[in-house]
Amino acid sequence: MAMAKVASSAGFAIGVVDDREAFANLQRFPMAQEVFTSYEQAFEKIQPNASTYLVIVTRGHKEDMRVLAWAARTEARYIGMIGSKRKVLSVYKALEKEGYRPEEFERVYAPMGLEIGALSPEEIAISIVAELIAVRRNAQNAAHKRLESSSAKP
């Protein structure tokens, strides 16, 4: 919720996807333009383009992998995934076993968010939205954080 609030206040349109209706609803996310309770429905309806920012914050590796598999092959301007370096690399490796090329993850910001020492959900949301703003404004001093899978290294 903190992420949606901060992103909305920074001028980003909000869409929420979660297969649990108790979590994905307009009562919890009144700022959302779209709420989906089915990944399949969201993947069919959402058509990311060069103005789209996708933030992957799911409840586990399986869902992260599912969403990243879809997101990596879209035209989204920004794809970010939360998680430890170990988790991110394990998701990449699993997707590579399914036929994804390591290069498909080069534009993924992971772990996402600017390094500001954030600890609380609100601080983490601010660090992520700061990164979104840096991408939106083409900031030169905001480094693209990305992890490469071991198979991408020479």
N, C-alpha and C. Protein backbone atom coordinates (compact mmCIF):
# COMPACT_ATOMS: atom_id res chain seq x y z
N MET A 1 0.81 -1.19 0.00
CA MET A 1 0.00 0.00 0.00
C MET A 1 0.86 1.26 0.00
N ALA A 2 1.95 1.23 0.74
CA ALA A 2 2.83 2.40 0.79
C ALA A 2 3.34 2.73 -0.60
N MET A 3 3.70 1.69 -1.35
CA MET A 3 4.22 1.89 -2.71
C MET A 3 3.19 2.60 -3.58
N ALA A 4 1.95 2.15 -3.55
CA ALA A 4 0.89 2.75 -4.37
C ALA A 4 0.64 4.20 -3.95
N LYS A 5 0.65 4.47 -2.66
CA LYS A 5 0.41 5.84 -2.18
C LYS A 5 1.51 6.78 -2.65
N VAL A 6 2.75 6.37 -2.47
CA VAL A 6 3.87 7.24 -2.85
C VAL A 6 3.92 7.42 -4.37
N ALA A 7 3.75 6.34 -5.11
CA ALA A 7 3.78 6.43 -6.58
C ALA A 7 2.65 7.31 -7.10
N SER A 8 1.48 7.17 -6.52
CA SER A 8 0.35 8.00 -6.93
C SER A 8 0.62 9.47 -6.65
N SER A 9 1.18 9.77 -5.49
CA SER A 9 1.47 11.17 -5.16
C SER A 9 2.56 11.75 -6.06
N ALA A 10 3.38 10.89 -6.67
CA ALA A 10 4.41 11.34 -7.61
C ALA A 10 3.89 11.42 -9.05
N GLY A 11 2.61 11.14 -9.23
CA GLY A 11 2.00 11.30 -10.55
C GLY A 11 1.95 10.04 -11.41
N PHE A 12 2.24 8.89 -10.84
CA PHE A 12 2.16 7.64 -11.59
C PHE A 12 0.75 7.07 -11.48
N ALA A 13 0.23 6.56 -12.59
CA ALA A 13 -1.05 5.87 -12.58
C ALA A 13 -0.84 4.51 -11.92
N ILE A 14 -1.81 4.08 -11.15
CA ILE A 14 -1.66 2.86 -10.37
C ILE A 14 -2.60 1.77 -10.86
N GLY A 15 -2.01 0.61 -11.08
CA GLY A 15 -2.76 -0.60 -11.36
C GLY A 15 -2.29 -1.65 -10.38
N VAL A 16 -3.19 -2.43 -9.84
CA VAL A 16 -2.86 -3.44 -8.85
C VAL A 16 -3.26 -4.81 -9.37
N VAL A 17 -2.34 -5.77 -9.24
CA VAL A 17 -2.63 -7.15 -9.65
C VAL A 17 -2.26 -8.05 -8.49
N ASP A 18 -3.23 -8.81 -8.00
CA ASP A 18 -2.99 -9.80 -6.95
C ASP A 18 -4.14 -10.80 -7.04
N ASP A 19 -3.83 -12.07 -7.02
CA ASP A 19 -4.89 -13.07 -7.16
C ASP A 19 -5.67 -13.29 -5.87
N ARG A 20 -5.40 -12.48 -4.87
CA ARG A 20 -6.15 -12.54 -3.62
C ARG A 20 -7.05 -11.30 -3.52
N GLU A 21 -8.36 -11.51 -3.63
CA GLU A 21 -9.30 -10.39 -3.61
C GLU A 21 -9.23 -9.59 -2.32
N ALA A 22 -8.84 -10.23 -1.24
CA ALA A 22 -8.72 -9.51 0.03
C ALA A 22 -7.62 -8.47 -0.02
N PHE A 23 -6.66 -8.65 -0.93
CA PHE A 23 -5.54 -7.71 -1.05
C PHE A 23 -5.70 -6.76 -2.23
N ALA A 24 -6.33 -7.21 -3.29
CA ALA A 24 -6.49 -6.38 -4.50
C ALA A 24 -7.93 -5.91 -4.60
N ASN A 25 -8.16 -4.73 -4.08
CA ASN A 25 -9.51 -4.15 -4.15
C ASN A 25 -9.41 -2.64 -3.99
N LEU A 26 -10.46 -1.96 -4.38
CA LEU A 26 -10.45 -0.49 -4.33
C LEU A 26 -10.54 0.06 -2.92
N GLN A 27 -10.98 -0.73 -1.97
CA GLN A 27 -11.00 -0.26 -0.59
C GLN A 27 -9.57 -0.11 -0.08
N ARG A 28 -8.71 -1.05 -0.42
CA ARG A 28 -7.30 -0.97 -0.02
C ARG A 28 -6.50 -0.02 -0.89
N PHE A 29 -6.89 0.07 -2.16
CA PHE A 29 -6.14 0.89 -3.13
C PHE A 29 -7.09 1.87 -3.84
N PRO A 30 -7.60 2.86 -3.12
CA PRO A 30 -8.55 3.80 -3.73
C PRO A 30 -7.91 4.64 -4.85
N MET A 31 -6.58 4.71 -4.88
CA MET A 31 -5.89 5.49 -5.90
C MET A 31 -5.70 4.71 -7.20
N ALA A 32 -6.06 3.44 -7.21
CA ALA A 32 -5.82 2.58 -8.38
C ALA A 32 -6.84 2.85 -9.50
N GLN A 33 -6.32 2.95 -10.71
CA GLN A 33 -7.19 3.07 -11.88
C GLN A 33 -7.72 1.70 -12.30
N GLU A 34 -6.90 0.67 -12.05
CA GLU A 34 -7.29 -0.69 -12.40
C GLU A 34 -6.88 -1.63 -11.28
N VAL A 35 -7.75 -2.61 -11.01
CA VAL A 35 -7.45 -3.65 -10.03
C VAL A 35 -7.82 -4.99 -10.67
N PHE A 36 -6.86 -5.90 -10.66
CA PHE A 36 -7.07 -7.23 -11.23
C PHE A 36 -6.86 -8.28 -10.14
N THR A 37 -7.73 -9.28 -10.11
CA THR A 37 -7.58 -10.39 -9.17
C THR A 37 -7.22 -11.69 -9.89
N SER A 38 -6.74 -11.54 -11.11
CA SER A 38 -6.28 -12.68 -11.89
C SER A 38 -5.07 -12.24 -12.70
N TYR A 39 -3.96 -12.96 -12.55
CA TYR A 39 -2.77 -12.63 -13.34
C TYR A 39 -3.07 -12.78 -14.83
N GLU A 40 -3.75 -13.84 -15.20
CA GLU A 40 -4.04 -14.07 -16.62
C GLU A 40 -4.85 -12.91 -17.21
N GLN A 41 -5.86 -12.47 -16.48
CA GLN A 41 -6.68 -11.35 -16.95
C GLN A 41 -5.83 -10.08 -17.07
N ALA A 42 -4.98 -9.84 -16.11
CA ALA A 42 -4.12 -8.65 -16.15
C ALA A 42 -3.17 -8.73 -17.33
N PHE A 43 -2.55 -9.89 -17.55
CA PHE A 43 -1.59 -10.04 -18.65
C PHE A 43 -2.26 -9.85 -20.01
N GLU A 44 -3.51 -10.25 -20.12
CA GLU A 44 -4.25 -10.07 -21.37
C GLU A 44 -4.64 -8.60 -21.59
N LYS A 45 -5.05 -7.94 -20.53
CA LYS A 45 -5.58 -6.59 -20.66
C LYS A 45 -4.52 -5.49 -20.65
N ILE A 46 -3.51 -5.63 -19.81
CA ILE A 46 -2.48 -4.60 -19.70
C ILE A 46 -1.53 -4.72 -20.89
N GLN A 47 -1.35 -3.64 -21.59
CA GLN A 47 -0.46 -3.60 -22.75
C GLN A 47 0.65 -2.58 -22.48
N PRO A 48 1.71 -3.00 -21.78
CA PRO A 48 2.77 -2.05 -21.44
C PRO A 48 3.42 -1.44 -22.68
N ASN A 49 3.74 -0.16 -22.57
CA ASN A 49 4.41 0.55 -23.67
C ASN A 49 5.57 1.35 -23.08
N ALA A 50 6.14 2.22 -23.88
CA ALA A 50 7.32 2.99 -23.47
C ALA A 50 7.03 3.99 -22.35
N SER A 51 5.79 4.12 -21.95
CA SER A 51 5.42 4.99 -20.83
C SER A 51 5.00 4.20 -19.60
N THR A 52 5.16 2.90 -19.64
CA THR A 52 4.70 2.03 -18.55
C THR A 52 5.84 1.67 -17.60
N TYR A 53 5.53 1.74 -16.32
CA TYR A 53 6.47 1.37 -15.27
C TYR A 53 5.88 0.18 -14.53
N LEU A 54 6.55 -0.96 -14.57
CA LEU A 54 6.07 -2.17 -13.91
C LEU A 54 6.90 -2.44 -12.66
N VAL A 55 6.23 -2.53 -11.54
CA VAL A 55 6.89 -2.77 -10.25
C VAL A 55 6.39 -4.13 -9.75
N ILE A 56 7.31 -5.08 -9.64
CA ILE A 56 6.95 -6.44 -9.23
C ILE A 56 7.22 -6.60 -7.74
N VAL A 57 6.13 -6.67 -6.99
CA VAL A 57 6.19 -6.83 -5.54
C VAL A 57 5.13 -7.88 -5.19
N THR A 58 5.48 -9.14 -5.32
CA THR A 58 4.51 -10.20 -5.06
C THR A 58 4.82 -10.88 -3.74
N ARG A 59 4.06 -11.92 -3.44
CA ARG A 59 4.23 -12.60 -2.15
C ARG A 59 5.24 -13.74 -2.19
N GLY A 60 5.83 -14.02 -3.35
CA GLY A 60 6.78 -15.12 -3.37
C GLY A 60 7.48 -15.31 -4.70
N HIS A 61 8.46 -16.21 -4.70
CA HIS A 61 9.26 -16.50 -5.90
C HIS A 61 8.40 -16.93 -7.09
N LYS A 62 7.44 -17.79 -6.83
CA LYS A 62 6.60 -18.32 -7.92
C LYS A 62 5.86 -17.20 -8.64
N GLU A 63 5.27 -16.30 -7.87
CA GLU A 63 4.54 -15.19 -8.48
C GLU A 63 5.50 -14.20 -9.14
N ASP A 64 6.65 -13.95 -8.50
CA ASP A 64 7.66 -13.07 -9.11
C ASP A 64 8.07 -13.60 -10.47
N MET A 65 8.31 -14.90 -10.53
CA MET A 65 8.75 -15.52 -11.77
C MET A 65 7.65 -15.42 -12.83
N ARG A 66 6.44 -15.64 -12.44
CA ARG A 66 5.31 -15.55 -13.36
C ARG A 66 5.17 -14.15 -13.94
N VAL A 67 5.25 -13.14 -13.08
CA VAL A 67 5.10 -11.76 -13.52
C VAL A 67 6.31 -11.32 -14.34
N LEU A 68 7.51 -11.67 -13.90
CA LEU A 68 8.70 -11.27 -14.66
C LEU A 68 8.74 -11.94 -16.03
N ALA A 69 8.29 -13.19 -16.12
CA ALA A 69 8.24 -13.88 -17.41
C ALA A 69 7.39 -13.08 -18.40
N TRP A 70 6.29 -12.55 -17.93
CA TRP A 70 5.43 -11.72 -18.78
C TRP A 70 6.08 -10.35 -19.04
N ALA A 71 6.53 -9.69 -17.97
CA ALA A 71 7.04 -8.33 -18.07
C ALA A 71 8.28 -8.22 -18.95
N ALA A 72 9.17 -9.20 -18.87
CA ALA A 72 10.44 -9.14 -19.61
C ALA A 72 10.24 -9.05 -21.11
N ARG A 73 9.11 -9.52 -21.57
CA ARG A 73 8.84 -9.52 -23.02
C ARG A 73 7.82 -8.46 -23.41
N THR A 74 7.74 -7.41 -22.60
CA THR A 74 6.87 -6.27 -22.93
C THR A 74 7.73 -5.08 -23.33
N GLU A 75 7.07 -4.02 -23.72
CA GLU A 75 7.75 -2.78 -24.12
C GLU A 75 7.86 -1.79 -22.96
N ALA A 76 7.61 -2.24 -21.73
CA ALA A 76 7.62 -1.34 -20.57
C ALA A 76 8.92 -0.56 -20.48
N ARG A 77 8.81 0.70 -20.11
CA ARG A 77 9.99 1.53 -19.93
C ARG A 77 10.80 1.11 -18.71
N TYR A 78 10.10 0.69 -17.67
CA TYR A 78 10.75 0.30 -16.42
C TYR A 78 10.16 -1.01 -15.94
N ILE A 79 11.03 -1.93 -15.59
CA ILE A 79 10.62 -3.18 -14.94
C ILE A 79 11.50 -3.31 -13.70
N GLY A 80 10.88 -3.30 -12.55
CA GLY A 80 11.62 -3.43 -11.29
C GLY A 80 11.07 -4.60 -10.49
N MET A 81 11.97 -5.29 -9.80
CA MET A 81 11.55 -6.41 -8.97
C MET A 81 12.22 -6.30 -7.61
N ILE A 82 11.42 -6.42 -6.58
CA ILE A 82 11.94 -6.35 -5.22
C ILE A 82 12.51 -7.71 -4.84
N GLY A 83 13.44 -7.71 -3.90
CA GLY A 83 13.97 -8.97 -3.40
C GLY A 83 15.47 -8.92 -3.22
N SER A 84 15.95 -9.91 -2.51
CA SER A 84 17.39 -10.01 -2.30
C SER A 84 18.08 -10.39 -3.60
N LYS A 85 19.38 -10.17 -3.63
CA LYS A 85 20.15 -10.55 -4.83
C LYS A 85 20.01 -12.04 -5.08
N ARG A 86 20.03 -12.83 -4.03
CA ARG A 86 19.90 -14.28 -4.17
C ARG A 86 18.55 -14.65 -4.80
N LYS A 87 17.48 -14.02 -4.32
CA LYS A 87 16.15 -14.30 -4.86
C LYS A 87 16.07 -13.91 -6.32
N VAL A 88 16.55 -12.72 -6.65
CA VAL A 88 16.51 -12.24 -8.03
C VAL A 88 17.25 -13.20 -8.95
N LEU A 89 18.45 -13.61 -8.55
CA LEU A 89 19.23 -14.53 -9.38
C LEU A 89 18.55 -15.88 -9.52
N SER A 90 17.88 -16.35 -8.48
CA SER A 90 17.20 -17.64 -8.57
C SER A 90 16.01 -17.55 -9.54
N VAL A 91 15.33 -16.42 -9.55
CA VAL A 91 14.23 -16.22 -10.50
C VAL A 91 14.78 -16.18 -11.93
N TYR A 92 15.87 -15.46 -12.14
CA TYR A 92 16.50 -15.40 -13.47
C TYR A 92 16.89 -16.81 -13.94
N LYS A 93 17.54 -17.56 -13.07
CA LYS A 93 18.00 -18.91 -13.45
C LYS A 93 16.82 -19.82 -13.81
N ALA A 94 15.76 -19.72 -13.04
CA ALA A 94 14.58 -20.55 -13.32
C ALA A 94 13.97 -20.18 -14.67
N LEU A 95 13.92 -18.89 -14.97
CA LEU A 95 13.37 -18.46 -16.26
C LEU A 95 14.29 -18.85 -17.42
N GLU A 96 15.59 -18.82 -17.18
CA GLU A 96 16.52 -19.25 -18.23
C GLU A 96 16.31 -20.73 -18.55
N LYS A 97 15.98 -21.53 -17.55
CA LYS A 97 15.69 -22.95 -17.79
C LYS A 97 14.43 -23.11 -18.64
N GLU A 98 13.56 -22.09 -18.62
CA GLU A 98 12.33 -22.12 -19.43
C GLU A 98 12.54 -21.51 -20.81
N GLY A 99 13.78 -21.11 -21.12
CA GLY A 99 14.07 -20.60 -22.45
C GLY A 99 14.31 -19.11 -22.56
N TYR A 100 14.28 -18.39 -21.46
CA TYR A 100 14.57 -16.96 -21.50
C TYR A 100 16.08 -16.77 -21.63
N ARG A 101 16.46 -15.76 -22.39
CA ARG A 101 17.88 -15.44 -22.56
C ARG A 101 18.30 -14.45 -21.46
N PRO A 102 19.54 -14.55 -20.98
CA PRO A 102 20.02 -13.63 -19.94
C PRO A 102 19.85 -12.15 -20.35
N GLU A 103 19.99 -11.87 -21.64
CA GLU A 103 19.85 -10.48 -22.12
C GLU A 103 18.46 -9.91 -21.86
N GLU A 104 17.47 -10.78 -21.73
CA GLU A 104 16.10 -10.30 -21.50
C GLU A 104 15.95 -9.67 -20.12
N PHE A 105 16.91 -9.90 -19.23
CA PHE A 105 16.83 -9.33 -17.89
C PHE A 105 17.70 -8.08 -17.72
N GLU A 106 18.40 -7.67 -18.78
CA GLU A 106 19.32 -6.54 -18.67
C GLU A 106 18.62 -5.24 -18.31
N ARG A 107 17.38 -5.08 -18.69
CA ARG A 107 16.69 -3.83 -18.37
C ARG A 107 15.86 -3.90 -17.10
N VAL A 108 15.96 -5.02 -16.39
CA VAL A 108 15.24 -5.17 -15.12
C VAL A 108 16.06 -4.52 -14.00
N TYR A 109 15.41 -3.67 -13.24
CA TYR A 109 16.02 -3.05 -12.06
C TYR A 109 15.77 -3.98 -10.89
N ALA A 110 16.83 -4.62 -10.43
CA ALA A 110 16.65 -5.57 -9.34
C ALA A 110 17.96 -5.74 -8.59
N PRO A 111 17.94 -5.70 -7.31
CA PRO A 111 16.79 -5.27 -6.52
C PRO A 111 16.49 -3.79 -6.80
N MET A 112 15.22 -3.47 -6.85
CA MET A 112 14.85 -2.10 -7.25
C MET A 112 14.91 -1.13 -6.07
N GLY A 113 14.98 0.15 -6.44
CA GLY A 113 15.03 1.22 -5.46
C GLY A 113 16.42 1.81 -5.34
N LEU A 114 16.47 3.12 -5.11
CA LEU A 114 17.75 3.78 -4.90
C LEU A 114 18.28 3.44 -3.51
N GLU A 115 19.59 3.36 -3.39
CA GLU A 115 20.23 3.05 -2.11
C GLU A 115 20.18 4.26 -1.19
N ILE A 116 19.21 4.27 -0.29
CA ILE A 116 19.11 5.37 0.68
C ILE A 116 19.07 4.85 2.11
N GLY A 117 19.34 3.56 2.28
CA GLY A 117 19.30 2.97 3.61
C GLY A 117 17.90 2.73 4.12
N ALA A 118 16.95 2.57 3.22
CA ALA A 118 15.54 2.40 3.59
C ALA A 118 15.32 1.12 4.38
N LEU A 119 14.47 1.19 5.42
CA LEU A 119 14.13 0.03 6.23
C LEU A 119 12.63 -0.21 6.30
N SER A 120 11.86 0.82 6.57
CA SER A 120 10.42 0.65 6.73
C SER A 120 9.74 0.53 5.37
N PRO A 121 8.52 -0.01 5.31
CA PRO A 121 7.80 -0.08 4.04
C PRO A 121 7.67 1.28 3.35
N GLU A 122 7.45 2.32 4.15
CA GLU A 122 7.31 3.66 3.58
C GLU A 122 8.63 4.15 3.00
N GLU A 123 9.73 3.91 3.70
CA GLU A 123 11.05 4.31 3.19
C GLU A 123 11.41 3.53 1.93
N ILE A 124 11.10 2.24 1.92
CA ILE A 124 11.37 1.42 0.74
C ILE A 124 10.55 1.92 -0.44
N ALA A 125 9.30 2.27 -0.19
CA ALA A 125 8.45 2.81 -1.25
C ALA A 125 9.05 4.10 -1.81
N ILE A 126 9.54 4.96 -0.94
CA ILE A 126 10.16 6.22 -1.38
C ILE A 126 11.40 5.92 -2.23
N SER A 127 12.21 4.95 -1.82
CA SER A 127 13.42 4.64 -2.60
C SER A 127 13.06 4.09 -3.98
N ILE A 128 12.00 3.29 -4.06
CA ILE A 128 11.57 2.75 -5.35
C ILE A 128 11.01 3.85 -6.23
N VAL A 129 10.14 4.69 -5.67
CA VAL A 129 9.55 5.76 -6.46
C VAL A 129 10.61 6.77 -6.88
N ALA A 130 11.62 6.99 -6.05
CA ALA A 130 12.73 7.86 -6.46
C ALA A 130 13.41 7.30 -7.70
N GLU A 131 13.56 5.98 -7.76
CA GLU A 131 14.15 5.35 -8.94
C GLU A 131 13.22 5.51 -10.15
N LEU A 132 11.93 5.36 -9.95
CA LEU A 132 10.96 5.57 -11.05
C LEU A 132 11.08 7.00 -11.59
N ILE A 133 11.16 7.94 -10.69
CA ILE A 133 11.29 9.35 -11.10
C ILE A 133 12.60 9.57 -11.85
N ALA A 134 13.68 8.97 -11.37
CA ALA A 134 14.98 9.10 -12.04
C ALA A 134 14.90 8.58 -13.47
N VAL A 135 14.21 7.47 -13.66
CA VAL A 135 14.04 6.92 -15.02
C VAL A 135 13.15 7.85 -15.84
N ARG A 136 12.06 8.31 -15.26
CA ARG A 136 11.13 9.21 -15.97
C ARG A 136 11.82 10.49 -16.41
N ARG A 137 12.71 11.00 -15.56
CA ARG A 137 13.39 12.27 -15.85
C ARG A 137 14.75 12.08 -16.52
N ASN A 138 15.10 10.84 -16.87
CA ASN A 138 16.38 10.53 -17.50
C ASN A 138 17.56 11.06 -16.69
N ALA A 139 17.48 10.90 -15.38
CA ALA A 139 18.55 11.37 -14.50
C ALA A 139 19.85 10.63 -14.80
N GLN A 140 20.90 11.37 -14.97
CA GLN A 140 22.19 10.78 -15.30
C GLN A 140 22.91 10.20 -14.08
N ASN A 141 22.58 10.68 -12.89
CA ASN A 141 23.30 10.24 -11.70
C ASN A 141 22.64 9.07 -10.98
N ALA A 142 21.57 8.52 -11.52
CA ALA A 142 20.91 7.37 -10.92
C ALA A 142 21.31 6.11 -11.70
N ALA A 143 22.21 5.36 -11.11
CA ALA A 143 22.73 4.16 -11.79
C ALA A 143 21.66 3.09 -11.91
N HIS A 144 21.67 2.40 -13.03
CA HIS A 144 20.77 1.27 -13.27
C HIS A 144 21.31 0.08 -12.51
N LYS A 145 20.60 -0.32 -11.46
CA LYS A 145 21.02 -1.48 -10.69
C LYS A 145 20.46 -2.72 -11.36
N ARG A 146 21.33 -3.62 -11.71
CA ARG A 146 20.84 -4.87 -12.26
C ARG A 146 21.82 -5.98 -11.90
N LEU A 147 21.26 -7.13 -11.80
CA LEU A 147 22.07 -8.32 -11.54
C LEU A 147 22.11 -9.14 -12.81
N GLU A 148 23.25 -9.73 -13.07
CA GLU A 148 23.36 -10.61 -14.22
C GLU A 148 23.41 -12.03 -13.73
N SER A 149 22.70 -12.87 -14.44
CA SER A 149 22.77 -14.28 -14.07
C SER A 149 24.16 -14.79 -14.42
N SER A 150 24.57 -15.84 -13.78
CA SER A 150 25.92 -16.35 -14.01
C SER A 150 26.13 -16.77 -15.45
N SER A 151 25.07 -17.17 -16.15
CA SER A 151 25.24 -17.59 -17.54
C SER A 151 25.41 -16.40 -18.47
N ALA A 152 25.15 -15.19 -17.97
CA ALA A 152 25.31 -14.00 -18.81
C ALA A 152 26.76 -13.50 -18.77
N LYS A 153 27.53 -13.99 -17.83
CA LYS A 153 28.92 -13.53 -17.68
C LYS A 153 29.84 -14.33 -18.59
N PRO A 154 30.87 -13.68 -19.16
CA PRO A 154 31.77 -14.39 -20.05
C PRO A 154 32.61 -15.42 -19.34
